């Protein structure tokens, strides 16, 4: 009876813990387990998967640690006589084979569900932006626009002295068509909780595509997440999420011939990047000369 009572209390505490977690807002620094909050619809889905996976892993971990310590105490050596030996316990072997399989199957199921949602593509996105990566910077092209002075689409290209700024609207479906001019790069915005390899294209078409809907205005750093060469660390950019009206005003200013800096200033945004800055690209000899002087 005492044993049953103890098991009942344990089960009640477990149920209470589950109910408590179900009623809590898990979007905080503790329950995100190191992940950013995310600013897109897709990021929210991935954050939920991450939080659920870590909680499941911790539950399994504590259960295993508990069994280990229980076995250490319960079966500690009490003399030279060997304890009862158990072998070929078929029911036990079936249990510890099926349980891990079920756990992996559940994790795989939810991973596939979230992956499919994150990689969904709409038939008619609100905005399409071409992202071109090259050694070692980025170019952002707005194909649906035309510059007045040249008849080409509006674009922003980064340099060794200027961080390229990718301006996007909030609350709209944005399609990114990413391609590389040379080697494999990776388009990564940490606040999107998502990154995608940028693969050199060929005649068969190897450009990668993904869509997001940004829900929060602000400036977010972007990086190359693939070791692509000597100046890989210099491949930073900035995503500037603005309102839909400001986005249209920005494109109109660019079509008039204004630079990225001036167009951002016109809509009340900082003209230069605020989340990162260009790296010092002095050569080794120049650095030695500077140190000597």
Protein backbone atom coordinates (compact mmCIF):
# COMPACT_ATOMS: atom_id res chain seq x y z
CA UNK A 1 0.00 0.00 0.00
CA UNK A 2 2.82 2.38 0.85
CA UNK A 3 4.46 1.68 -2.49
CA UNK A 4 1.21 2.32 -4.37
CA UNK A 5 0.73 5.55 -2.46
CA UNK A 6 4.22 6.69 -3.39
CA UNK A 7 3.62 5.89 -7.05
CA UNK A 8 0.33 7.77 -6.94
CA UNK A 9 2.03 10.85 -5.48
CA UNK A 10 4.73 10.70 -8.16
CA UNK A 11 2.12 10.44 -10.91
CA UNK A 12 0.19 13.35 -9.43
CA UNK A 13 3.31 15.51 -9.31
CA UNK A 14 4.09 14.63 -12.94
CA UNK A 15 0.56 15.52 -14.02
CA UNK A 16 0.78 18.79 -12.10
CA UNK A 17 4.06 19.63 -13.82
CA UNK A 18 2.57 18.96 -17.27
CA UNK A 19 -0.48 21.10 -16.51
CA UNK A 20 1.73 23.88 -15.19
CA UNK A 21 3.86 23.87 -18.35
CA UNK A 22 0.74 23.79 -20.53
CA UNK A 23 -0.56 26.93 -18.83
CA UNK A 24 2.75 28.83 -19.01
CA UNK A 25 4.03 31.11 -21.74
CA UNK A 26 7.17 29.32 -22.86
CA UNK A 27 8.39 32.31 -24.90
CA UNK A 28 11.00 33.55 -22.46
CA UNK A 29 14.77 33.29 -22.15
CA UNK A 30 14.62 30.24 -19.89
CA UNK A 31 12.32 28.08 -22.03
CA UNK A 32 13.92 29.14 -25.32
CA UNK A 33 17.12 27.42 -24.16
CA UNK A 34 19.43 29.88 -25.89
CA UNK A 35 17.41 30.48 -29.04
CA UNK A 36 16.36 33.98 -30.14
CA UNK A 37 12.66 34.79 -29.92
CA UNK A 38 12.29 35.03 -33.69
CA UNK A 39 10.47 37.67 -35.71
CA UNK A 40 8.72 35.61 -38.39
CA UNK A 41 5.75 33.25 -38.42
CA UNK A 42 8.07 30.45 -39.43
CA UNK A 43 10.45 31.22 -36.56
CA UNK A 44 7.64 30.78 -34.04
CA UNK A 45 6.94 27.27 -35.34
CA UNK A 46 10.62 26.33 -35.19
CA UNK A 47 10.97 27.77 -31.69
CA UNK A 48 8.06 25.64 -30.49
CA UNK A 49 9.72 22.53 -31.97
CA UNK A 50 13.02 23.42 -30.32
CA UNK A 51 11.45 24.03 -26.90
CA UNK A 52 9.39 20.83 -27.05
CA UNK A 53 12.40 18.77 -28.16
CA UNK A 54 14.60 20.07 -25.35
CA UNK A 55 11.90 19.49 -22.73
CA UNK A 56 11.41 15.92 -24.01
CA UNK A 57 15.18 15.36 -23.90
CA UNK A 58 15.37 16.68 -20.35
CA UNK A 59 12.50 14.44 -19.23
CA UNK A 60 14.26 11.40 -20.69
CA UNK A 61 17.57 12.54 -19.22
CA UNK A 62 16.20 12.95 -15.71
CA UNK A 63 14.45 9.58 -15.96
CA UNK A 64 17.70 7.87 -17.00
CA UNK A 65 19.73 9.66 -14.33
CA UNK A 66 17.12 8.72 -11.74
CA UNK A 67 17.26 5.04 -12.74
CA UNK A 68 21.06 5.10 -12.64
CA UNK A 69 21.22 6.56 -9.14
CA UNK A 70 18.39 4.31 -7.94
CA UNK A 71 20.29 1.26 -9.21
CA UNK A 72 23.48 2.47 -7.57
CA UNK A 73 21.74 2.78 -4.20
CA UNK A 74 19.35 -0.14 -4.46
CA UNK A 75 21.92 -2.65 -5.72
CA UNK A 76 25.02 -1.47 -3.93
CA UNK A 77 27.33 -4.19 -2.73
CA UNK A 78 26.33 -5.64 0.64
CA UNK A 79 28.71 -8.57 0.77
CA UNK A 80 30.61 -11.09 -1.30
CA UNK A 81 27.50 -12.99 -2.36
CA UNK A 82 26.42 -12.25 -5.93
CA UNK A 83 22.87 -10.89 -6.33
CA UNK A 84 20.29 -12.73 -8.35
CA UNK A 85 21.26 -12.72 -12.02
CA UNK A 86 18.61 -11.94 -14.68
CA UNK A 87 19.17 -12.71 -18.36
CA UNK A 88 17.03 -12.94 -21.46
CA UNK A 89 14.16 -10.97 -19.99
CA UNK A 90 12.15 -10.79 -23.19
CA UNK A 91 9.39 -8.42 -21.95
CA UNK A 92 11.99 -5.97 -20.64
CA UNK A 93 13.98 -6.08 -23.87
CA UNK A 94 10.83 -5.42 -25.89
CA UNK A 95 9.97 -2.43 -23.68
CA UNK A 96 13.36 -0.74 -23.94
CA UNK A 97 13.38 -1.35 -27.68
CA UNK A 98 9.89 -0.02 -28.39
CA UNK A 99 10.03 3.07 -26.15
CA UNK A 100 13.06 4.66 -27.91
CA UNK A 101 11.52 3.83 -31.28
CA UNK A 102 8.27 5.57 -30.31
CA UNK A 103 10.18 8.61 -29.02
CA UNK A 104 12.19 8.92 -32.25
CA UNK A 105 9.04 8.46 -34.36
CA UNK A 106 7.21 11.24 -32.48
CA UNK A 107 10.19 13.61 -32.80
CA UNK A 108 10.54 12.76 -36.50
CA UNK A 109 6.83 13.39 -37.08
CA UNK A 110 6.83 16.85 -35.53
CA UNK A 111 10.10 17.74 -37.27
CA UNK A 112 8.66 16.88 -40.67
CA UNK A 113 5.46 18.81 -39.93
CA UNK A 114 7.39 21.96 -38.99
CA UNK A 115 9.81 21.54 -41.88
CA UNK A 116 6.95 21.34 -44.38
CA UNK A 117 5.32 24.45 -42.91
CA UNK A 118 8.59 26.40 -42.95
CA UNK A 119 9.32 25.44 -46.57
CA UNK A 120 5.84 26.20 -47.89
CA UNK A 121 5.74 28.47 -50.94
CA UNK A 122 2.81 30.61 -51.94
CA UNK A 123 1.64 30.96 -55.53
CA UNK A 124 1.75 34.74 -55.42
CA UNK A 125 4.04 36.22 -52.73
CA UNK A 126 3.66 39.90 -51.89
CA UNK A 127 7.36 40.64 -52.37
CA UNK A 128 10.15 38.84 -54.22
CA UNK A 129 13.81 39.62 -53.53
CA UNK A 130 16.79 38.06 -55.29
CA UNK A 131 19.77 37.44 -53.00
CA UNK A 132 23.10 37.03 -54.77
CA UNK A 133 26.11 35.93 -52.74
CA UNK A 134 29.69 36.33 -53.93
CA UNK A 135 33.18 36.28 -52.47
CA UNK A 136 32.80 38.00 -50.07
CA UNK A 137 29.62 40.04 -49.84
CA UNK A 138 25.95 40.25 -50.81
CA UNK A 139 23.73 41.81 -53.43
CA UNK A 140 19.98 42.30 -52.93
CA UNK A 141 17.87 42.85 -56.04
CA UNK A 142 14.21 43.93 -56.16
CA UNK A 143 13.06 42.48 -59.52
CA UNK A 144 9.67 44.20 -59.45
CA UNK A 145 11.29 47.67 -59.60
CA UNK A 146 13.06 49.75 -62.25
CA UNK A 147 15.66 52.45 -61.73
CA UNK A 148 14.91 55.62 -63.64
CA UNK A 149 18.51 56.20 -64.71
CA UNK A 150 19.29 52.80 -66.16
CA UNK A 151 16.16 50.73 -66.56
CA UNK A 152 17.55 47.96 -64.36
CA UNK A 153 15.98 46.67 -61.13
CA UNK A 154 16.83 48.42 -57.87
CA UNK A 155 19.67 46.67 -56.05
CA UNK A 156 21.99 47.06 -53.08
CA UNK A 157 25.52 45.66 -53.17
CA UNK A 158 27.84 45.46 -50.20
CA UNK A 159 31.51 46.38 -50.25
CA UNK A 160 34.51 46.19 -47.95
CA UNK A 161 33.52 49.55 -46.47
CA UNK A 162 29.72 49.30 -46.53
CA UNK A 163 27.37 46.76 -44.97
CA UNK A 164 24.54 45.98 -47.43
CA UNK A 165 21.06 46.61 -46.01
CA UNK A 166 18.18 44.39 -47.07
CA UNK A 167 14.94 46.35 -46.65
CA UNK A 168 11.77 44.27 -46.24
CA UNK A 169 8.16 45.02 -45.25
CA UNK A 170 6.43 43.54 -42.22
CA UNK A 171 3.18 41.56 -42.37
CA UNK A 172 3.75 40.54 -46.00
CA UNK A 173 4.86 37.28 -47.61
CA UNK A 174 8.46 37.72 -48.76
CA UNK A 175 10.08 35.27 -51.15
CA UNK A 176 13.88 35.09 -51.19
CA UNK A 177 15.50 33.62 -54.28
CA UNK A 178 19.09 32.95 -53.24
CA UNK A 179 21.95 32.20 -55.63
CA UNK A 180 25.74 32.24 -55.61
CA UNK A 181 28.20 33.54 -58.17
CA UNK A 182 31.07 31.31 -57.11
CA UNK A 183 31.12 28.92 -54.12
CA UNK A 184 28.56 27.68 -51.60
CA UNK A 185 27.50 30.37 -49.15
CA UNK A 186 24.67 30.31 -46.60
CA UNK A 187 22.00 32.97 -46.06
CA UNK A 188 21.40 33.22 -42.32
CA UNK A 189 19.43 35.71 -40.25
CA UNK A 190 19.55 34.50 -36.62
CA UNK A 191 16.23 36.20 -35.79
CA UNK A 192 14.58 34.18 -38.59
CA UNK A 193 15.77 30.97 -36.83
CA UNK A 194 16.48 29.71 -40.33
CA UNK A 195 19.33 29.51 -42.80
CA UNK A 196 19.57 28.21 -46.36
CA UNK A 197 22.58 27.23 -48.43
CA UNK A 198 23.28 29.49 -51.39
CA UNK A 199 24.48 27.15 -54.11
CA UNK A 200 26.15 28.19 -57.37
CA UNK A 201 23.55 27.94 -60.15
CA UNK A 202 23.92 26.04 -63.40
CA UNK A 203 21.90 25.40 -66.53
CA UNK A 204 19.65 23.00 -64.62
CA UNK A 205 18.77 25.64 -62.05
CA UNK A 206 20.05 25.17 -58.50
CA UNK A 207 18.82 28.39 -56.93
CA UNK A 208 17.17 27.92 -53.55
CA UNK A 209 13.94 29.61 -52.53
CA UNK A 210 12.21 30.22 -49.20
CA UNK A 211 9.50 32.52 -47.85
CA UNK A 212 8.96 34.31 -44.56
CA UNK A 213 6.48 36.74 -43.05
CA UNK A 214 8.22 39.21 -40.74
CA UNK A 215 6.04 40.38 -37.85
CA UNK A 216 8.31 42.86 -36.08
CA UNK A 217 9.92 46.08 -37.29
CA UNK A 218 13.58 46.59 -36.54
CA UNK A 219 17.15 45.91 -37.63
CA UNK A 220 18.48 42.33 -37.58
CA UNK A 221 21.98 41.16 -38.39
CA UNK A 222 22.52 38.64 -41.17
CA UNK A 223 25.54 36.44 -41.80
CA UNK A 224 27.04 33.85 -44.08
CA UNK A 225 26.89 30.53 -42.24
CA UNK A 226 29.09 28.56 -44.63
CA UNK A 227 32.90 28.70 -44.50
CA UNK A 228 33.37 30.06 -48.02
CA UNK A 229 36.91 31.41 -48.07
CA UNK A 230 39.41 33.90 -46.69
CA UNK A 231 36.98 36.72 -45.93
CA UNK A 232 34.01 34.57 -44.94
CA UNK A 233 33.76 36.44 -41.61
CA UNK A 234 33.25 39.70 -43.52
CA UNK A 235 30.01 38.53 -45.15
CA UNK A 236 27.64 40.31 -42.81
CA UNK A 237 24.52 42.19 -43.84
CA UNK A 238 21.54 43.77 -42.15
CA UNK A 239 17.82 43.15 -42.54
CA UNK A 240 15.80 46.32 -42.00
CA UNK A 241 12.11 45.47 -41.45
CA UNK A 242 9.85 48.49 -41.97
CA UNK A 243 6.14 49.13 -42.36
CA UNK A 244 4.48 48.47 -45.70
CA UNK A 245 4.10 52.19 -46.41
CA UNK A 246 7.74 52.91 -45.59
CA UNK A 247 8.78 50.01 -47.80
CA UNK A 248 6.90 51.48 -50.78
CA UNK A 249 8.42 54.90 -50.08
CA UNK A 250 11.88 53.34 -49.90
CA UNK A 251 11.49 51.62 -53.28
CA UNK A 252 10.09 54.81 -54.83
CA UNK A 253 13.14 56.73 -53.59
CA UNK A 254 15.47 54.09 -54.99
CA UNK A 255 13.68 54.17 -58.35
CA UNK A 256 14.27 57.92 -58.41
CA UNK A 257 17.99 57.22 -58.24
CA UNK A 258 18.70 57.67 -54.53
CA UNK A 259 21.28 55.45 -52.86
CA UNK A 260 20.36 52.95 -50.17
CA UNK A 261 21.70 55.35 -47.53
CA UNK A 262 19.72 58.36 -48.80
CA UNK A 263 16.52 56.35 -49.39
CA UNK A 264 16.61 55.03 -45.83
CA UNK A 265 17.22 58.53 -44.49
CA UNK A 266 14.18 59.73 -46.44
CA UNK A 267 11.87 57.27 -44.65
CA UNK A 268 13.29 58.14 -41.24
CA UNK A 269 15.63 55.17 -40.92
CA UNK A 270 19.38 55.21 -40.20
CA UNK A 271 21.18 55.17 -43.52
CA UNK A 272 23.99 52.87 -42.34
CA UNK A 273 23.84 49.47 -40.67
CA UNK A 274 23.30 49.53 -36.90
CA UNK A 275 23.69 45.83 -36.01
CA UNK A 276 27.15 45.19 -37.48
CA UNK A 277 30.02 47.04 -39.12
CA UNK A 278 32.62 46.35 -41.80
CA UNK A 279 35.68 44.38 -40.76
CA UNK A 280 39.15 45.86 -40.97
CA UNK A 281 40.59 44.34 -44.15
CA UNK A 282 44.13 45.64 -43.87
CA UNK A 283 46.67 43.15 -45.12
CA UNK A 284 49.13 41.58 -42.72
CA UNK A 285 51.96 43.86 -43.91
CA UNK A 286 49.74 46.95 -43.57
CA UNK A 287 48.82 45.90 -40.04
CA UNK A 288 52.51 45.43 -39.17
CA UNK A 289 53.36 48.82 -40.67
CA UNK A 290 50.51 50.45 -38.74
CA UNK A 291 51.69 48.78 -35.51
CA UNK A 292 55.25 49.99 -36.18
CA UNK A 293 54.10 53.53 -36.69
